[in-house]
C-alpha atoms as a PDB file:
ATOM      1  CA  MET A   1      58.467  56.622 -89.981  1.00  0.00           C
ATOM      2  CA  GLY A   2      54.800  55.930 -89.215  1.00  0.00           C
ATOM      3  CA  ARG A   3      52.714  57.291 -86.398  1.00  0.00           C
ATOM      4  CA  GLU A   4      52.553  55.267 -83.216  1.00  0.00           C
ATOM      5  CA  THR A   5      49.074  53.884 -82.632  1.00  0.00           C
ATOM      6  CA  LEU A   6      47.960  54.224 -79.049  1.00  0.00           C
ATOM      7  CA  PRO A   7      45.667  51.598 -77.556  1.00  0.00           C
ATOM      8  CA  ALA A   8      41.992  52.487 -77.453  1.00  0.00           C
ATOM      9  CA  THR A   9      40.347  53.451 -74.198  1.00  0.00           C
ATOM     10  CA  PRO A  10      37.720  50.825 -73.346  1.00  0.00           C
ATOM     11  CA  ILE A  11      34.349  52.047 -72.116  1.00  0.00           C
ATOM     12  CA  ALA A  12      31.771  49.827 -70.423  1.00  0.00           C
ATOM     13  CA  ALA A  13      28.307  51.148 -71.267  1.00  0.00           C
ATOM     14  CA  LEU A  14      25.715  50.055 -68.714  1.00  0.00           C
ATOM     15  CA  PRO A  15      22.029  50.454 -69.574  1.00  0.00           C
ATOM     16  CA  ALA A  16      20.554  53.184 -67.357  1.00  0.00           C
ATOM     17  CA  GLN A  17      16.899  52.149 -67.486  1.00  0.00           C
ATOM     18  CA  ASP A  18      17.081  51.222 -63.782  1.00  0.00           C
ATOM     19  CA  SER A  19      19.298  54.135 -62.813  1.00  0.00           C
ATOM     20  CA  GLU A  20      19.251  53.691 -59.036  1.00  0.00           C
ATOM     21  CA  ASN A  21      20.380  50.051 -59.227  1.00  0.00           C
ATOM     22  CA  VAL A  22      22.967  50.753 -61.935  1.00  0.00           C
ATOM     23  CA  GLN A  23      24.452  53.636 -59.915  1.00  0.00           C
ATOM     24  CA  SER A  24      24.587  51.397 -56.833  1.00  0.00           C
ATOM     25  CA  LEU A  25      26.281  48.628 -58.844  1.00  0.00           C
ATOM     26  CA  MET A  26      28.885  51.101 -60.089  1.00  0.00           C
ATOM     27  CA  ARG A  27      29.622  52.284 -56.521  1.00  0.00           C
ATOM     28  CA  ARG A  28      29.911  48.716 -55.172  1.00  0.00           C
ATOM     29  CA  PHE A  29      32.178  47.684 -58.053  1.00  0.00           C
ATOM     30  CA  ALA A  30      34.433  50.700 -57.457  1.00  0.00           C
ATOM     31  CA  LEU A  31      34.712  49.845 -53.748  1.00  0.00           C
ATOM     32  CA  GLU A  32      35.727  46.271 -54.601  1.00  0.00           C
ATOM     33  CA  LEU A  33      38.460  47.520 -56.909  1.00  0.00           C
ATOM     34  CA  LEU A  34      39.615  50.083 -54.332  1.00  0.00           C
ATOM     35  CA  GLU A  35      40.084  47.231 -51.868  1.00  0.00           C
ATOM     36  CA  ASP A  36      42.236  45.510 -54.511  1.00  0.00           C
ATOM     37  CA  GLY A  37      44.420  48.620 -54.766  1.00  0.00           C
ATOM     38  CA  VAL A  38      43.042  50.078 -58.007  1.00  0.00           C
ATOM     39  CA  ARG A  39      43.062  53.879 -58.130  1.00  0.00           C
ATOM     40  CA  ILE A  40      39.495  54.954 -58.869  1.00  0.00           C
ATOM     41  CA  GLY A  41      38.048  58.279 -59.922  1.00  0.00           C
ATOM     42  CA  GLY A  42      34.591  59.416 -60.830  1.00  0.00           C
ATOM     43  CA  VAL A  43      31.083  60.155 -59.705  1.00  0.00           C
ATOM     44  CA  THR A  44      27.798  58.321 -59.406  1.00  0.00           C
ATOM     45  CA  GLN A  45      24.347  59.852 -59.197  1.00  0.00           C
ATOM     46  CA  MET A  46      22.183  59.732 -56.098  1.00  0.00           C
ATOM     47  CA  ARG A  47      18.929  61.214 -54.876  1.00  0.00           C
ATOM     48  CA  GLY A  48      18.276  62.317 -51.350  1.00  0.00           C
ATOM     49  CA  PRO A  49      17.434  65.179 -49.029  1.00  0.00           C
ATOM     50  CA  ASP A  50      19.673  68.202 -48.708  1.00  0.00           C
ATOM     51  CA  ALA A  51      20.413  69.915 -45.379  1.00  0.00           C
ATOM     52  CA  SER A  52      16.936  71.490 -45.391  1.00  0.00           C
ATOM     53  CA  GLY A  53      15.221  68.182 -46.147  1.00  0.00           C
ATOM     54  CA  ARG A  54      14.325  68.997 -49.772  1.00  0.00           C
ATOM     55  CA  SER A  55      14.846  66.219 -52.320  1.00  0.00           C
ATOM     56  CA  ARG A  56      17.889  66.786 -54.515  1.00  0.00           C
ATOM     57  CA  ILE A  57      19.876  65.011 -57.191  1.00  0.00           C
ATOM     58  CA  PHE A  58      23.598  64.976 -56.589  1.00  0.00           C
ATOM     59  CA  LEU A  59      26.760  63.376 -57.876  1.00  0.00           C
ATOM     60  CA  ARG A  60      28.974  61.725 -55.274  1.00  0.00           C
ATOM     61  CA  ASN A  61      32.696  61.282 -55.721  1.00  0.00           C
ATOM     62  CA  VAL A  62      33.278  57.516 -55.391  1.00  0.00           C
ATOM     63  CA  VAL A  63      36.495  57.966 -53.408  1.00  0.00           C
ATOM     64  CA  SER A  64      36.201  61.173 -51.354  1.00  0.00           C
ATOM     65  CA  HIS A  65      32.383  61.007 -51.049  1.00  0.00           C
ATOM     66  CA  GLU A  66      32.252  64.733 -51.830  1.00  0.00           C
ATOM     67  CA  GLU A  67      28.774  65.608 -53.061  1.00  0.00           C
ATOM     68  CA  PHE A  68      27.959  67.932 -55.952  1.00  0.00           C
ATOM     69  CA  VAL A  69      24.320  69.023 -55.955  1.00  0.00           C
ATOM     70  CA  ILE A  70      23.103  69.130 -59.548  1.00  0.00           C
ATOM     71  CA  SER A  71      19.456  70.042 -58.986  1.00  0.00           C
ATOM     72  CA  GLN A  72      18.129  73.299 -57.634  1.00  0.00           C
ATOM     73  CA  ASP A  73      14.865  74.181 -55.949  1.00  0.00           C
ATOM     74  CA  LEU A  74      12.885  76.378 -58.318  1.00  0.00           C
ATOM     75  CA  GLY A  75       9.887  76.636 -56.020  1.00  0.00           C
ATOM     76  CA  PRO A  76       6.493  74.987 -55.969  1.00  0.00           C
ATOM     77  CA  GLY A  77       4.783  74.471 -59.295  1.00  0.00           C
ATOM     78  CA  SER A  78       7.885  75.154 -61.388  1.00  0.00           C
ATOM     79  CA  VAL A  79       8.180  73.088 -64.561  1.00  0.00           C
ATOM     80  CA  ALA A  80      11.487  74.579 -65.727  1.00  0.00           C
ATOM     81  CA  CYS A  81      14.682  72.543 -65.924  1.00  0.00           C
ATOM     82  CA  ASN A  82      16.181  72.417 -62.442  1.00  0.00           C
ATOM     83  CA  LEU A  83      19.704  71.369 -63.440  1.00  0.00           C
ATOM     84  CA  ASP A  84      22.420  73.187 -61.495  1.00  0.00           C
ATOM     85  CA  THR A  85      25.161  73.479 -64.102  1.00  0.00           C
ATOM     86  CA  GLY A  86      27.608  74.827 -61.511  1.00  0.00           C
ATOM     87  CA  GLY A  87      27.443  71.613 -59.508  1.00  0.00           C
ATOM     88  CA  LEU A  88      27.761  69.586 -62.685  1.00  0.00           C
ATOM     89  CA  ALA A  89      30.857  71.551 -63.726  1.00  0.00           C
ATOM     90  CA  MET A  90      32.488  70.993 -60.322  1.00  0.00           C
ATOM     91  CA  ALA A  91      31.804  67.235 -60.525  1.00  0.00           C
ATOM     92  CA  CYS A  92      33.221  67.151 -64.046  1.00  0.00           C
ATOM     93  CA  ALA A  93      36.397  68.918 -62.895  1.00  0.00           C
ATOM     94  CA  ALA A  94      36.859  66.375 -60.081  1.00  0.00           C
ATOM     95  CA  VAL A  95      36.626  63.504 -62.570  1.00  0.00           C
ATOM     96  CA  GLU A  96      39.050  65.220 -64.948  1.00  0.00           C
ATOM     97  CA  ARG A  97      41.574  65.646 -62.102  1.00  0.00           C
ATOM     98  CA  ALA A  98      41.298  61.958 -61.197  1.00  0.00           C
ATOM     99  CA  ALA A  99      41.988  60.954 -64.801  1.00  0.00           C
ATOM    100  CA  LEU A 100      45.011  63.243 -65.003  1.00  0.00           C
ATOM    101  CA  GLN A 101      46.361  62.096 -61.611  1.00  0.00           C
ATOM    102  CA  GLY A 102      46.674  58.439 -62.573  1.00  0.00           C
ATOM    103  CA  ALA A 103      43.353  56.767 -61.884  1.00  0.00           C
ATOM    104  CA  GLY A 104      43.181  53.195 -63.153  1.00  0.00           C
ATOM    105  CA  LEU A 105      39.425  53.392 -63.709  1.00  0.00           C
ATOM    106  CA  ILE A 106      36.953  56.241 -64.109  1.00  0.00           C
ATOM    107  CA  LEU A 107      33.234  56.021 -63.323  1.00  0.00           C
ATOM    108  CA  ILE A 108      30.924  58.512 -64.987  1.00  0.00           C
ATOM    109  CA  SER A 109      27.408  58.602 -63.623  1.00  0.00           C
ATOM    110  CA  LYS A 110      25.524  58.928 -66.861  1.00  0.00           C
ATOM    111  CA  PHE A 111      25.529  59.814 -70.528  1.00  0.00           C
ATOM    112  CA  SER A 112      22.214  61.608 -70.925  1.00  0.00           C
ATOM    113  CA  LYS A 113      20.743  64.835 -72.316  1.00  0.00           C
ATOM    114  CA  GLN A 114      23.564  67.200 -71.327  1.00  0.00           C
ATOM    115  CA  GLU A 115      26.229  64.861 -72.691  1.00  0.00           C
ATOM    116  CA  ALA A 116      24.237  64.212 -75.875  1.00  0.00           C
ATOM    117  CA  GLU A 117      24.450  67.978 -76.430  1.00  0.00           C
ATOM    118  CA  ARG A 118      28.232  67.762 -75.768  1.00  0.00           C
ATOM    119  CA  GLY A 119      27.990  69.375 -72.339  1.00  0.00           C
ATOM    120  CA  GLY A 120      27.586  67.912 -68.884  1.00  0.00           C
ATOM    121  CA  LEU A 121      30.298  65.344 -68.175  1.00  0.00           C
ATOM    122  CA  CYS A 122      31.661  65.164 -71.742  1.00  0.00           C
ATOM    123  CA  ASP A 123      34.943  66.763 -70.693  1.00  0.00           C
ATOM    124  CA  ALA A 124      35.328  64.049 -68.042  1.00  0.00           C
ATOM    125  CA  PHE A 125      34.921  61.393 -70.739  1.00  0.00           C
ATOM    126  CA  ARG A 126      37.473  63.196 -72.900  1.00  0.00           C
ATOM    127  CA  ALA A 127      39.983  63.505 -70.043  1.00  0.00           C
ATOM    128  CA  ALA A 128      39.738  59.769 -69.343  1.00  0.00           C
ATOM    129  CA  MET A 129      40.139  58.974 -73.035  1.00  0.00           C
ATOM    130  CA  MET A 130      43.172  61.247 -73.371  1.00  0.00           C
ATOM    131  CA  ALA A 131      44.752  59.631 -70.300  1.00  0.00           C
ATOM    132  CA  ARG A 132      43.888  56.152 -71.670  1.00  0.00           C
ATOM    133  CA  VAL A 133      41.906  55.283 -68.520  1.00  0.00           C
ATOM    134  CA  PRO A 134      39.091  52.713 -68.850  1.00  0.00           C
ATOM    135  CA  VAL A 135      35.629  54.117 -68.141  1.00  0.00           C
ATOM    136  CA  ILE A 136      32.370  52.715 -66.818  1.00  0.00           C
ATOM    137  CA  ALA A 137      29.303  54.817 -67.601  1.00  0.00           C
ATOM    138  CA  ALA A 138      25.549  54.435 -67.440  1.00  0.00           C
ATOM    139  CA  VAL A 139      23.882  55.325 -70.741  1.00  0.00           C
ATOM    140  CA  SER A 140      20.351  56.674 -70.946  1.00  0.00           C
ATOM    141  CA  PRO A 141      18.177  54.634 -73.321  1.00  0.00           C
ATOM    142  CA  HIS A 142      16.816  57.913 -74.726  1.00  0.00           C
ATOM    143  CA  PHE A 143      20.249  58.937 -76.021  1.00  0.00           C
ATOM    144  CA  ARG A 144      21.649  55.694 -77.462  1.00  0.00           C
ATOM    145  CA  ASP A 145      22.106  57.166 -80.951  1.00  0.00           C
ATOM    146  CA  GLU A 146      24.034  60.154 -79.578  1.00  0.00           C
ATOM    147  CA  TRP A 147      26.058  57.764 -77.402  1.00  0.00           C
ATOM    148  CA  SER A 148      27.025  55.692 -80.442  1.00  0.00           C
ATOM    149  CA  LEU A 149      28.203  58.815 -82.251  1.00  0.00           C
ATOM    150  CA  PHE A 150      30.118  60.022 -79.181  1.00  0.00           C
ATOM    151  CA  ALA A 151      31.829  56.805 -78.044  1.00  0.00           C
ATOM    152  CA  GLY A 152      31.909  54.856 -81.303  1.00  0.00           C
ATOM    153  CA  PRO A 153      33.867  51.615 -81.230  1.00  0.00           C
ATOM    154  CA  LEU A 154      35.422  52.362 -77.828  1.00  0.00           C
ATOM    155  CA  ALA A 155      32.183  51.464 -76.055  1.00  0.00           C
ATOM    156  CA  GLU A 156      31.055  47.975 -75.220  1.00  0.00           C
ATOM    157  CA  ASP A 157      27.559  47.289 -73.933  1.00  0.00           C
ATOM    158  CA  VAL A 158      27.908  45.486 -70.611  1.00  0.00           C
ATOM    159  CA  ALA A 159      25.088  43.843 -68.696  1.00  0.00           C
ATOM    160  CA  PRO A 160      24.412  45.559 -65.349  1.00  0.00           C
ATOM    161  CA  THR A 161      25.769  42.730 -63.210  1.00  0.00           C
ATOM    162  CA  ARG A 162      28.823  42.387 -61.002  1.00  0.00           C
ATOM    163  CA  GLU A 163      30.000  39.370 -63.012  1.00  0.00           C
ATOM    164  CA  ALA A 164      29.733  41.179 -66.359  1.00  0.00           C
ATOM    165  CA  LEU A 165      31.655  44.170 -64.974  1.00  0.00           C
ATOM    166  CA  HIS A 166      34.422  41.922 -63.638  1.00  0.00           C
ATOM    167  CA  ASP A 167      34.660  40.162 -67.002  1.00  0.00           C
ATOM    168  CA  TRP A 168      34.903  43.532 -68.780  1.00  0.00           C
ATOM    169  CA  TRP A 169      37.488  44.783 -66.251  1.00  0.00           C
ATOM    170  CA  ARG A 170      39.744  41.753 -66.761  1.00  0.00           C
ATOM    171  CA  ARG A 171      39.910  42.650 -70.462  1.00  0.00           C
ATOM    172  CA  ALA A 172      40.044  46.439 -70.046  1.00  0.00           C
ATOM    173  CA  LYS A 173      42.446  47.200 -67.221  1.00  0.00           C
ATOM    174  CA  LYS A 174      45.766  48.794 -67.906  1.00  0.00           C
ATOM    175  CA  PRO A 175      48.757  46.466 -67.600  1.00  0.00           C
ATOM    176  CA  ALA A 176      50.537  46.945 -64.276  1.00  0.00           C
END
């Protein structure tokens, strides 16, 4: 008796050159699908002031709107990496939970440096793949080679337009 072949998990790879617009497109697309009754999970990246008015980078849960701050204030003149790995880990865990709890689509803010090094949101990607949940992710142009190695044939480059995402979704969604 042969092994059962499970269907591949489709991944829409959006170019992240214009990150702010791509993140906004991902959020708007998720809201449209939510209105159609699709269970959504995931995070998109945003920039804005924190409670003290300092500029921060954060990931926002597309459903609950919970925010995970992923940048930290290292003080004036600092040139060190300001990534807050604790916030990133909490965002990753939220995405993993959504995949395991039956989401029909997962959004992952970005495949970039941390993911290229197999950290960051890689576990969120893996959880979605294991649960066979389609994924939409923005991919940094600086890490395309690493992306190709990571996602392989599961990924499809999709133009950053509403129409292209809807076309991809029609082909990718799980049967009801």
